[in-house]
Amino acid sequence: MSEGTMQLRAQRDQRDPQAKRAKRLTRVLVGAAAVPVMLVAAGCSSDSGSDDGKDKAAEESAASKSASPSPTVQAAAFRKLPEACSVVTKKTLDDLVPKGDSGKEGSSNDTALRASCSWDSLDDNGVKGSQFRWLSVSMLRFESDVARGEGDKLARDYYQKQLKDAQGVEGAKGVKTAPVSGTGDEASVVRYDLKKKEGTFKQQTVVARVENVVVTVDYNGAGLAGDKTPDADDLVKDAQKAAKEAVAAVTKANGGTGSDKPGGTPDDKSSGKSSGSPSASKTPSDAASQSASASPAKSG
């Protein structure tokens, strides 16, 4: 081996350790540079999991809300009304409106919610004059409604309104109000005199509530063309009798015993819809006005 060759090998041997160290340093730097990249990736993965958790929590909260039960209200006890012109017996009609025509059913777009019937008679006594009578029975049923409340509560509110209307009739004289027993859950009679050119009309209005139904009975009488004015106490008794029969008919139509207290079971299949405005039921003021305006035509 020549001297020159030996010198080159010596120089190469000196360079190899340096090269090896340089390679090791390069690998270390490359590995160190890869660590932040892994940390960044791990951080992104962690953030994504956090967002997914929030979304899942929101979905679970929405699902729990949708699964919560909706508000409910107790179903109304009575779900239908009897035929309006059949709620008063024939015998009572013969006493209250003698020689009267058959009942005139009032108009209604839903007779299961509201119904009415009226009768009138003119008993002509020749030169002694004549006796006029007018009877009207109206019924209004309230269904339970989530927004408005239970049917019997709505009926109680309307019962009070009917009483106030009867007590506030324009031109009424000597207004008196008294409770009526044995007729539904609550009942009252309002009586007064209403003077017209044809004579003095004795008006009786009985308002009764049985469960979720309100029954209003208007009954008035007058002696026309010189005949005597009827006794108000007798007319009150007659009106109360008609109201009691009407309330019993409502109860019987809903599976009760026909007494003045409900005997049926609540309607478990009530739809919960509102009964609508009670304006279709004739108010006592309308009844008194109609009876007063009808009497001249009948007496004539």
C-alpha atoms as a PDB file:
ATOM      1  CA  MET A   1       0.000   0.000   0.000  1.00  0.00           C
ATOM      2  CA  SER A   2       1.493   3.331  -1.029  1.00  0.00           C
ATOM      3  CA  GLU A   3       1.841   6.238   1.309  1.00  0.00           C
ATOM      4  CA  GLY A   4      -0.768   8.236  -0.556  1.00  0.00           C
ATOM      5  CA  THR A   5      -3.399   5.527  -0.151  1.00  0.00           C
ATOM      6  CA  MET A   6      -2.777   5.270   3.512  1.00  0.00           C
ATOM      7  CA  GLN A   7      -3.170   9.018   3.908  1.00  0.00           C
ATOM      8  CA  LEU A   8      -6.601   9.003   2.136  1.00  0.00           C
ATOM      9  CA  ARG A   9      -7.884   6.166   4.315  1.00  0.00           C
ATOM     10  CA  ALA A  10      -6.800   8.023   7.420  1.00  0.00           C
ATOM     11  CA  GLN A  11      -8.599  11.127   6.273  1.00  0.00           C
ATOM     12  CA  ARG A  12     -11.783   9.061   5.502  1.00  0.00           C
ATOM     13  CA  ASP A  13     -11.692   7.419   8.905  1.00  0.00           C
ATOM     14  CA  GLN A  14     -11.508  10.839  10.499  1.00  0.00           C
ATOM     15  CA  ARG A  15     -14.543  12.056   8.496  1.00  0.00           C
ATOM     16  CA  ASP A  16     -16.787   9.012   9.127  1.00  0.00           C
ATOM     17  CA  PRO A  17     -17.438   9.690  12.840  1.00  0.00           C
ATOM     18  CA  GLN A  18     -18.352  13.259  11.989  1.00  0.00           C
ATOM     19  CA  ALA A  19     -20.742  12.088   9.285  1.00  0.00           C
ATOM     20  CA  LYS A  20     -22.312   9.570  11.610  1.00  0.00           C
ATOM     21  CA  ARG A  21     -22.858  12.225  14.268  1.00  0.00           C
ATOM     22  CA  ALA A  22     -24.364  14.552  11.653  1.00  0.00           C
ATOM     23  CA  LYS A  23     -26.830  11.852  10.556  1.00  0.00           C
ATOM     24  CA  ARG A  24     -27.848  11.138  14.148  1.00  0.00           C
ATOM     25  CA  LEU A  25     -28.419  14.859  14.781  1.00  0.00           C
ATOM     26  CA  THR A  26     -30.531  15.105  11.648  1.00  0.00           C
ATOM     27  CA  ARG A  27     -32.725  12.218  12.788  1.00  0.00           C
ATOM     28  CA  VAL A  28     -33.177  13.834  16.199  1.00  0.00           C
ATOM     29  CA  LEU A  29     -34.194  17.174  14.686  1.00  0.00           C
ATOM     30  CA  VAL A  30     -36.632  15.483  12.344  1.00  0.00           C
ATOM     31  CA  GLY A  31     -38.201  13.585  15.232  1.00  0.00           C
ATOM     32  CA  ALA A  32     -38.453  16.741  17.300  1.00  0.00           C
ATOM     33  CA  ALA A  33     -40.168  18.554  14.466  1.00  0.00           C
ATOM     34  CA  ALA A  34     -42.754  15.765  14.202  1.00  0.00           C
ATOM     35  CA  VAL A  35     -43.826  16.104  17.847  1.00  0.00           C
ATOM     36  CA  PRO A  36     -45.626  19.492  17.483  1.00  0.00           C
ATOM     37  CA  VAL A  37     -47.437  18.151  14.434  1.00  0.00           C
ATOM     38  CA  MET A  38     -48.753  15.230  16.492  1.00  0.00           C
ATOM     39  CA  LEU A  39     -49.737  17.559  19.327  1.00  0.00           C
ATOM     40  CA  VAL A  40     -51.639  19.822  16.933  1.00  0.00           C
ATOM     41  CA  ALA A  41     -53.463  16.825  15.470  1.00  0.00           C
ATOM     42  CA  ALA A  42     -54.331  15.592  18.933  1.00  0.00           C
ATOM     43  CA  GLY A  43     -55.612  19.049  19.857  1.00  0.00           C
ATOM     44  CA  CYS A  44     -57.862  19.177  16.799  1.00  0.00           C
ATOM     45  CA  SER A  45     -59.188  15.731  17.614  1.00  0.00           C
ATOM     46  CA  SER A  46     -59.933  16.826  21.186  1.00  0.00           C
ATOM     47  CA  ASP A  47     -61.809  19.964  20.047  1.00  0.00           C
ATOM     48  CA  SER A  48     -63.869  17.978  17.572  1.00  0.00           C
ATOM     49  CA  GLY A  49     -64.922  15.579  20.302  1.00  0.00           C
ATOM     50  CA  SER A  50     -65.992  18.517  22.480  1.00  0.00           C
ATOM     51  CA  ASP A  51     -68.247  19.925  19.740  1.00  0.00           C
ATOM     52  CA  ASP A  52     -69.748  16.512  19.135  1.00  0.00           C
ATOM     53  CA  GLY A  53     -70.526  16.256  22.836  1.00  0.00           C
ATOM     54  CA  LYS A  54     -72.310  19.632  22.816  1.00  0.00           C
ATOM     55  CA  ASP A  55     -74.342  18.668  19.775  1.00  0.00           C
ATOM     56  CA  LYS A  56     -75.298  15.366  21.355  1.00  0.00           C
ATOM     57  CA  ALA A  57     -76.332  17.106  24.588  1.00  0.00           C
ATOM     58  CA  ALA A  58     -78.477  19.572  22.645  1.00  0.00           C
ATOM     59  CA  GLU A  59     -80.130  16.744  20.740  1.00  0.00           C
ATOM     60  CA  GLU A  60     -80.853  14.868  23.968  1.00  0.00           C
ATOM     61  CA  SER A  61     -82.320  18.014  25.552  1.00  0.00           C
ATOM     62  CA  ALA A  62     -84.596  18.602  22.546  1.00  0.00           C
ATOM     63  CA  ALA A  63     -85.670  14.973  22.573  1.00  0.00           C
ATOM     64  CA  SER A  64     -86.503  15.125  26.278  1.00  0.00           C
ATOM     65  CA  LYS A  65     -88.600  18.242  25.725  1.00  0.00           C
ATOM     66  CA  SER A  66     -90.503  16.675  22.859  1.00  0.00           C
ATOM     67  CA  ALA A  67     -91.083  13.562  24.907  1.00  0.00           C
ATOM     68  CA  SER A  68     -92.504  15.494  27.897  1.00  0.00           C
ATOM     69  CA  PRO A  69     -96.303  15.106  28.279  1.00  0.00           C
ATOM     70  CA  SER A  70     -98.517  17.859  26.854  1.00  0.00           C
ATOM     71  CA  PRO A  71    -100.898  19.754  29.196  1.00  0.00           C
ATOM     72  CA  THR A  72    -104.152  17.937  29.895  1.00  0.00           C
ATOM     73  CA  VAL A  73    -107.530  18.912  31.297  1.00  0.00           C
ATOM     74  CA  GLN A  74    -110.246  16.803  32.868  1.00  0.00           C
ATOM     75  CA  ALA A  75    -112.893  15.743  30.380  1.00  0.00           C
ATOM     76  CA  ALA A  76    -116.343  17.288  30.695  1.00  0.00           C
ATOM     77  CA  ALA A  77    -119.024  15.091  32.251  1.00  0.00           C
ATOM     78  CA  PHE A  78    -121.771  15.595  29.640  1.00  0.00           C
ATOM     79  CA  ARG A  79    -121.108  15.195  25.942  1.00  0.00           C
ATOM     80  CA  LYS A  80    -124.513  15.818  24.330  1.00  0.00           C
ATOM     81  CA  LEU A  81    -127.826  17.601  24.720  1.00  0.00           C
ATOM     82  CA  PRO A  82    -131.371  16.235  24.491  1.00  0.00           C
ATOM     83  CA  GLU A  83    -133.779  17.359  21.792  1.00  0.00           C
ATOM     84  CA  ALA A  84    -134.755  20.843  22.919  1.00  0.00           C
ATOM     85  CA  CYS A  85    -138.484  20.602  22.200  1.00  0.00           C
ATOM     86  CA  SER A  86    -138.786  17.397  24.245  1.00  0.00           C
ATOM     87  CA  VAL A  87    -137.210  18.513  27.537  1.00  0.00           C
ATOM     88  CA  VAL A  88    -140.550  19.684  29.006  1.00  0.00           C
ATOM     89  CA  THR A  89    -143.333  17.124  29.431  1.00  0.00           C
ATOM     90  CA  LYS A  90    -146.617  17.477  27.597  1.00  0.00           C
ATOM     91  CA  LYS A  91    -148.519  17.845  30.848  1.00  0.00           C
ATOM     92  CA  THR A  92    -146.315  20.763  31.932  1.00  0.00           C
ATOM     93  CA  LEU A  93    -146.703  22.391  28.531  1.00  0.00           C
ATOM     94  CA  ASP A  94    -150.482  22.117  28.798  1.00  0.00           C
ATOM     95  CA  ASP A  95    -150.290  23.947  32.122  1.00  0.00           C
ATOM     96  CA  LEU A  96    -147.795  26.604  31.133  1.00  0.00           C
ATOM     97  CA  VAL A  97    -148.832  27.341  27.541  1.00  0.00           C
ATOM     98  CA  PRO A  98    -152.461  26.139  27.253  1.00  0.00           C
ATOM     99  CA  LYS A  99    -153.817  25.956  23.738  1.00  0.00           C
ATOM    100  CA  GLY A 100    -150.307  26.602  22.505  1.00  0.00           C
ATOM    101  CA  ASP A 101    -148.815  25.431  19.251  1.00  0.00           C
ATOM    102  CA  SER A 102    -146.039  22.852  19.012  1.00  0.00           C
ATOM    103  CA  GLY A 103    -142.578  23.986  19.993  1.00  0.00           C
ATOM    104  CA  LYS A 104    -140.441  26.013  17.624  1.00  0.00           C
ATOM    105  CA  GLU A 105    -136.872  24.769  17.594  1.00  0.00           C
ATOM    106  CA  GLY A 106    -134.205  27.468  17.506  1.00  0.00           C
ATOM    107  CA  SER A 107    -131.524  27.509  14.859  1.00  0.00           C
ATOM    108  CA  SER A 108    -128.166  25.956  15.747  1.00  0.00           C
ATOM    109  CA  ASN A 109    -125.166  24.814  13.755  1.00  0.00           C
ATOM    110  CA  ASP A 110    -124.413  22.126  16.364  1.00  0.00           C
ATOM    111  CA  THR A 111    -127.280  20.841  18.499  1.00  0.00           C
ATOM    112  CA  ALA A 112    -124.839  18.814  20.612  1.00  0.00           C
ATOM    113  CA  LEU A 113    -123.454  22.117  21.898  1.00  0.00           C
ATOM    114  CA  ARG A 114    -126.423  24.488  21.868  1.00  0.00           C
ATOM    115  CA  ALA A 115    -130.140  23.979  21.454  1.00  0.00           C
ATOM    116  CA  SER A 116    -133.358  25.836  22.205  1.00  0.00           C
ATOM    117  CA  CYS A 117    -137.116  25.623  21.803  1.00  0.00           C
ATOM    118  CA  SER A 118    -140.011  28.036  22.469  1.00  0.00           C
ATOM    119  CA  TRP A 119    -143.770  27.826  22.862  1.00  0.00           C
ATOM    120  CA  ASP A 120    -146.475  30.500  23.052  1.00  0.00           C
ATOM    121  CA  SER A 121    -150.227  30.596  23.505  1.00  0.00           C
ATOM    122  CA  LEU A 122    -153.084  33.074  23.547  1.00  0.00           C
ATOM    123  CA  ASP A 123    -156.112  31.971  25.506  1.00  0.00           C
ATOM    124  CA  ASP A 124    -158.921  34.177  24.216  1.00  0.00           C
ATOM    125  CA  ASN A 125    -161.689  34.856  26.741  1.00  0.00           C
ATOM    126  CA  GLY A 126    -163.848  36.972  24.444  1.00  0.00           C
ATOM    127  CA  VAL A 127    -164.919  40.320  25.833  1.00  0.00           C
ATOM    128  CA  LYS A 128    -163.021  39.581  29.041  1.00  0.00           C
ATOM    129  CA  GLY A 129    -159.729  39.739  27.189  1.00  0.00           C
ATOM    130  CA  SER A 130    -157.093  37.068  26.787  1.00  0.00           C
ATOM    131  CA  GLN A 131    -154.187  35.455  28.552  1.00  0.00           C
ATOM    132  CA  PHE A 132    -150.804  35.391  26.854  1.00  0.00           C
ATOM    133  CA  ARG A 133    -148.014  32.972  27.785  1.00  0.00           C
ATOM    134  CA  TRP A 134    -144.522  32.487  26.366  1.00  0.00           C
ATOM    135  CA  LEU A 135    -142.020  29.777  27.338  1.00  0.00           C
ATOM    136  CA  SER A 136    -138.465  29.306  26.109  1.00  0.00           C
ATOM    137  CA  VAL A 137    -135.837  26.727  27.054  1.00  0.00           C
ATOM    138  CA  SER A 138    -132.234  27.067  25.907  1.00  0.00           C
ATOM    139  CA  MET A 139    -129.282  24.810  26.664  1.00  0.00           C
ATOM    140  CA  LEU A 140    -125.586  25.428  26.227  1.00  0.00           C
ATOM    141  CA  ARG A 141    -122.934  22.755  26.743  1.00  0.00           C
ATOM    142  CA  PHE A 142    -119.256  23.516  27.346  1.00  0.00           C
ATOM    143  CA  GLU A 143    -116.444  21.128  26.485  1.00  0.00           C
ATOM    144  CA  SER A 144    -113.160  21.038  28.364  1.00  0.00           C
ATOM    145  CA  ASP A 145    -110.359  22.908  26.657  1.00  0.00           C
ATOM    146  CA  VAL A 146    -106.646  23.031  27.515  1.00  0.00           C
ATOM    147  CA  ALA A 147    -106.453  26.768  26.881  1.00  0.00           C
ATOM    148  CA  ARG A 148    -109.777  27.814  28.464  1.00  0.00           C
ATOM    149  CA  GLY A 149    -110.184  25.264  31.251  1.00  0.00           C
ATOM    150  CA  GLU A 150    -112.571  22.532  32.348  1.00  0.00           C
ATOM    151  CA  GLY A 151    -116.100  22.394  30.989  1.00  0.00           C
ATOM    152  CA  ASP A 152    -117.856  22.760  34.329  1.00  0.00           C
ATOM    153  CA  LYS A 153    -115.792  25.861  35.164  1.00  0.00           C
ATOM    154  CA  LEU A 154    -116.725  27.448  31.844  1.00  0.00           C
ATOM    155  CA  ALA A 155    -120.356  26.581  32.572  1.00  0.00           C
ATOM    156  CA  ARG A 156    -120.154  28.223  36.012  1.00  0.00           C
ATOM    157  CA  ASP A 157    -118.812  31.413  34.454  1.00  0.00           C
ATOM    158  CA  TYR A 158    -121.611  31.446  31.898  1.00  0.00           C
ATOM    159  CA  TYR A 159    -124.185  30.738  34.606  1.00  0.00           C
ATOM    160  CA  GLN A 160    -123.124  33.918  36.414  1.00  0.00           C
ATOM    161  CA  LYS A 161    -123.241  35.888  33.183  1.00  0.00           C
ATOM    162  CA  GLN A 162    -126.781  34.721  32.456  1.00  0.00           C
ATOM    163  CA  LEU A 163    -127.919  35.827  35.909  1.00  0.00           C
ATOM    164  CA  LYS A 164    -126.397  39.269  35.456  1.00  0.00           C
ATOM    165  CA  ASP A 165    -128.063  39.626  32.060  1.00  0.00           C
ATOM    166  CA  ALA A 166    -131.440  38.695  33.528  1.00  0.00           C
ATOM    167  CA  GLN A 167    -131.003  41.150  36.383  1.00  0.00           C
ATOM    168  CA  GLY A 168    -130.056  43.984  34.040  1.00  0.00           C
ATOM    169  CA  VAL A 169    -132.939  43.928  31.535  1.00  0.00           C
ATOM    170  CA  GLU A 170    -133.807  47.429  30.409  1.00  0.00           C
ATOM    171  CA  GLY A 171    -137.175  48.605  31.728  1.00  0.00           C
ATOM    172  CA  ALA A 172    -137.452  45.844  34.335  1.00  0.00           C
ATOM    173  CA  LYS A 173    -139.306  46.839  37.503  1.00  0.00           C
ATOM    174  CA  GLY A 174    -139.057  45.182  40.916  1.00  0.00           C
ATOM    175  CA  VAL A 175    -136.212  42.837  40.064  1.00  0.00           C
ATOM    176  CA  LYS A 176    -135.833  40.006  42.583  1.00  0.00           C
ATOM    177  CA  THR A 177    -133.397  37.090  42.612  1.00  0.00           C
ATOM    178  CA  ALA A 178    -133.726  33.916  44.670  1.00  0.00           C
ATOM    179  CA  PRO A 179    -131.975  30.524  44.744  1.00  0.00           C
ATOM    180  CA  VAL A 180    -133.757  27.454  43.403  1.00  0.00           C
ATOM    181  CA  SER A 181    -133.238  24.114  45.138  1.00  0.00           C
ATOM    182  CA  GLY A 182    -133.323  20.637  43.677  1.00  0.00           C
ATOM    183  CA  THR A 183    -132.400  21.766  40.172  1.00  0.00           C
ATOM    184  CA  GLY A 184    -128.945  20.756  39.000  1.00  0.00           C
ATOM    185  CA  ASP A 185    -125.754  21.809  40.754  1.00  0.00           C
ATOM    186  CA  GLU A 186    -126.883  25.416  41.146  1.00  0.00           C
ATOM    187  CA  ALA A 187    -129.917  27.409  40.047  1.00  0.00           C
ATOM    188  CA  SER A 188    -131.525  30.817  40.586  1.00  0.00           C
ATOM    189  CA  VAL A 189    -134.682  32.589  39.466  1.00  0.00           C
ATOM    190  CA  VAL A 190    -134.871  36.245  38.470  1.00  0.00           C
ATOM    191  CA  ARG A 191    -138.343  37.821  38.380  1.00  0.00           C
ATOM    192  CA  TYR A 192    -139.544  41.276  37.428  1.00  0.00           C
ATOM    193  CA  ASP A 193    -142.350  43.233  35.764  1.00  0.00           C
ATOM    194  CA  LEU A 194    -142.077  44.640  32.278  1.00  0.00           C
ATOM    195  CA  LYS A 195    -144.699  47.186  31.315  1.00  0.00           C
ATOM    196  CA  LYS A 196    -145.810  47.507  27.691  1.00  0.00           C
ATOM    197  CA  LYS A 197    -148.697  49.302  26.061  1.00  0.00           C
ATOM    198  CA  GLU A 198    -150.533  45.957  25.788  1.00  0.00           C
ATOM    199  CA  GLY A 199    -150.264  45.337  29.533  1.00  0.00           C
ATOM    200  CA  THR A 200    -147.891  44.339  32.323  1.00  0.00           C
ATOM    201  CA  PHE A 201    -145.813  41.266  31.596  1.00  0.00           C
ATOM    202  CA  LYS A 202    -144.646  39.099  34.479  1.00  0.00           C
ATOM    203  CA  GLN A 203    -141.224  37.743  33.573  1.00  0.00           C
ATOM    204  CA  GLN A 204    -139.473  34.773  35.203  1.00  0.00           C
ATOM    205  CA  THR A 205    -136.009  33.597  34.226  1.00  0.00           C
ATOM    206  CA  VAL A 206    -134.570  30.443  35.777  1.00  0.00           C
ATOM    207  CA  VAL A 207    -130.874  29.790  35.167  1.00  0.00           C
ATOM    208  CA  ALA A 208    -129.571  26.362  36.172  1.00  0.00           C
ATOM    209  CA  ARG A 209    -126.247  24.582  35.791  1.00  0.00           C
ATOM    210  CA  VAL A 210    -125.738  20.836  35.819  1.00  0.00           C
ATOM    211  CA  GLU A 211    -122.099  19.829  35.357  1.00  0.00           C
ATOM    212  CA  ASN A 212    -120.930  21.470  32.102  1.00  0.00           C
ATOM    213  CA  VAL A 213    -124.402  22.432  30.804  1.00  0.00           C
ATOM    214  CA  VAL A 214    -126.320  25.652  31.488  1.00  0.00           C
ATOM    215  CA  VAL A 215    -130.114  25.620  31.095  1.00  0.00           C
ATOM    216  CA  THR A 216    -132.027  28.903  30.837  1.00  0.00           C
ATOM    217  CA  VAL A 217    -135.821  28.936  31.097  1.00  0.00           C
ATOM    218  CA  ASP A 218    -137.726  32.136  30.260  1.00  0.00           C
ATOM    219  CA  TYR A 219    -141.407  32.238  31.079  1.00  0.00           C
ATOM    220  CA  ASN A 220    -143.702  35.221  31.033  1.00  0.00           C
ATOM    221  CA  GLY A 221    -147.411  35.935  31.077  1.00  0.00           C
ATOM    222  CA  ALA A 222    -149.760  38.870  30.724  1.00  0.00           C
ATOM    223  CA  GLY A 223    -153.458  39.631  30.781  1.00  0.00           C
ATOM    224  CA  LEU A 224    -154.355  41.436  27.579  1.00  0.00           C
ATOM    225  CA  ALA A 225    -157.367  43.415  26.416  1.00  0.00           C
ATOM    226  CA  GLY A 226    -158.679  43.900  29.924  1.00  0.00           C
ATOM    227  CA  ASP A 227    -158.015  40.433  31.329  1.00  0.00           C
ATOM    228  CA  LYS A 228    -156.394  40.250  34.773  1.00  0.00           C
ATOM    229  CA  THR A 229    -152.627  40.108  35.246  1.00  0.00           C
ATOM    230  CA  PRO A 230    -151.455  36.592  36.153  1.00  0.00           C
ATOM    231  CA  ASP A 231    -150.121  35.900  39.624  1.00  0.00           C
ATOM    232  CA  ALA A 232    -146.328  36.210  39.641  1.00  0.00           C
ATOM    233  CA  ASP A 233    -145.826  33.547  42.312  1.00  0.00           C
ATOM    234  CA  ASP A 234    -147.714  30.997  40.249  1.00  0.00           C
ATOM    235  CA  LEU A 235    -145.619  31.838  37.206  1.00  0.00           C
ATOM    236  CA  VAL A 236    -142.416  31.421  39.215  1.00  0.00           C
ATOM    237  CA  LYS A 237    -143.481  27.939  40.317  1.00  0.00           C
ATOM    238  CA  ASP A 238    -144.301  27.020  36.729  1.00  0.00           C
ATOM    239  CA  ALA A 239    -140.924  28.280  35.466  1.00  0.00           C
ATOM    240  CA  GLN A 240    -139.083  26.333  38.156  1.00  0.00           C
ATOM    241  CA  LYS A 241    -140.971  23.180  37.230  1.00  0.00           C
ATOM    242  CA  ALA A 242    -140.010  23.532  33.575  1.00  0.00           C
ATOM    243  CA  ALA A 243    -136.370  24.161  34.504  1.00  0.00           C
ATOM    244  CA  LYS A 244    -136.253  21.077  36.702  1.00  0.00           C
ATOM    245  CA  GLU A 245    -137.622  18.904  33.896  1.00  0.00           C
ATOM    246  CA  ALA A 246    -135.120  20.344  31.421  1.00  0.00           C
ATOM    247  CA  VAL A 247    -132.171  19.669  33.751  1.00  0.00           C
ATOM    248  CA  ALA A 248    -133.395  16.104  34.309  1.00  0.00           C
ATOM    249  CA  ALA A 249    -133.635  15.620  30.533  1.00  0.00           C
ATOM    250  CA  VAL A 250    -130.005  16.731  30.118  1.00  0.00           C
ATOM    251  CA  THR A 251    -128.861  14.257  32.764  1.00  0.00           C
ATOM    252  CA  LYS A 252    -130.901  11.421  31.278  1.00  0.00           C
ATOM    253  CA  ALA A 253    -129.568  12.091  27.775  1.00  0.00           C
ATOM    254  CA  ASN A 254    -126.053  11.506  29.113  1.00  0.00           C
ATOM    255  CA  GLY A 255    -126.795   8.191  30.770  1.00  0.00           C
ATOM    256  CA  GLY A 256    -128.072   9.520  34.081  1.00  0.00           C
ATOM    257  CA  THR A 257    -131.197   8.530  35.961  1.00  0.00           C
ATOM    258  CA  GLY A 258    -133.236  11.492  34.785  1.00  0.00           C
ATOM    259  CA  SER A 259    -132.989  13.177  38.188  1.00  0.00           C
ATOM    260  CA  ASP A 260    -131.757  16.697  38.581  1.00  0.00           C
ATOM    261  CA  LYS A 261    -128.271  15.500  39.558  1.00  0.00           C
ATOM    262  CA  PRO A 262    -125.920  13.884  37.057  1.00  0.00           C
ATOM    263  CA  GLY A 263    -125.759  10.127  37.235  1.00  0.00           C
ATOM    264  CA  GLY A 264    -123.532   9.311  34.285  1.00  0.00           C
ATOM    265  CA  THR A 265    -119.789   8.915  34.126  1.00  0.00           C
ATOM    266  CA  PRO A 266    -117.407  11.521  32.708  1.00  0.00           C
ATOM    267  CA  ASP A 267    -116.700  11.339  29.039  1.00  0.00           C
ATOM    268  CA  ASP A 268    -113.269   9.804  28.725  1.00  0.00           C
ATOM    269  CA  LYS A 269    -113.287  10.388  24.970  1.00  0.00           C
ATOM    270  CA  SER A 270    -113.824  14.114  25.073  1.00  0.00           C
ATOM    271  CA  SER A 271    -111.932  15.817  22.297  1.00  0.00           C
ATOM    272  CA  GLY A 272    -111.018  18.804  24.441  1.00  0.00           C
ATOM    273  CA  LYS A 273    -112.177  21.302  21.828  1.00  0.00           C
ATOM    274  CA  SER A 274    -113.704  24.527  22.797  1.00  0.00           C
ATOM    275  CA  SER A 275    -117.463  24.865  22.606  1.00  0.00           C
ATOM    276  CA  GLY A 276    -117.206  28.219  20.989  1.00  0.00           C
ATOM    277  CA  SER A 277    -118.966  31.405  21.870  1.00  0.00           C
ATOM    278  CA  PRO A 278    -122.081  31.058  24.029  1.00  0.00           C
ATOM    279  CA  SER A 279    -123.802  33.873  22.180  1.00  0.00           C
ATOM    280  CA  ALA A 280    -126.037  31.424  20.319  1.00  0.00           C
ATOM    281  CA  SER A 281    -128.007  30.833  23.504  1.00  0.00           C
ATOM    282  CA  LYS A 282    -130.774  33.361  23.921  1.00  0.00           C
ATOM    283  CA  THR A 283    -130.182  35.796  26.781  1.00  0.00           C
ATOM    284  CA  PRO A 284    -132.962  36.691  29.231  1.00  0.00           C
ATOM    285  CA  SER A 285    -133.091  40.231  27.862  1.00  0.00           C
ATOM    286  CA  ASP A 286    -133.638  38.901  24.339  1.00  0.00           C
ATOM    287  CA  ALA A 287    -136.329  36.558  25.614  1.00  0.00           C
ATOM    288  CA  ALA A 288    -138.177  39.305  27.453  1.00  0.00           C
ATOM    289  CA  SER A 289    -137.944  41.608  24.453  1.00  0.00           C
ATOM    290  CA  GLN A 290    -139.164  38.907  22.091  1.00  0.00           C
ATOM    291  CA  SER A 291    -142.070  37.942  24.333  1.00  0.00           C
ATOM    292  CA  ALA A 292    -143.118  41.543  24.724  1.00  0.00           C
ATOM    293  CA  SER A 293    -142.923  42.254  21.023  1.00  0.00           C
ATOM    294  CA  ALA A 294    -144.731  39.017  20.131  1.00  0.00           C
ATOM    295  CA  SER A 295    -147.732  39.648  22.358  1.00  0.00           C
ATOM    296  CA  PRO A 296    -149.379  42.440  20.286  1.00  0.00           C
ATOM    297  CA  ALA A 297    -149.343  40.274  17.176  1.00  0.00           C
ATOM    298  CA  LYS A 298    -150.870  37.345  19.027  1.00  0.00           C
ATOM    299  CA  SER A 299    -153.468  39.453  20.805  1.00  0.00           C
ATOM    300  CA  GLY A 300    -154.348  41.165  17.568  1.00  0.00           C
END
